[in-house]
Amino acid sequence: MKVEPPVTLLQLRDGSMYSLIRYWVHGGRLHYVTDYGGEENVPPERIDVAKTTQPNASRGTPLILLEKSPSR
């Protein structure tokens, strides 16, 4: 049986929501890979922190933003 990694939800201030399978901060931007395979990045001011934090905390998948390079 294949174990799927936990999905982290990201809510942007424009109302967009993404399911992330991997994310990291590099160069002051949040870089992420979505569950459908898209790779994007956004500046932190576009993130709706309250609407991102609450659903992830209740699901046990907190959003932890650390400056680092992704492991590929």
Foldseek 3Di string as FASTA:
>chain_A
DDDQAAWAWWAFPVGDIFTFSDWADEPQWIWTAGPVGDIDIGHPNRTPVVVRQVVCVVVVHGDDYDHDDDDD
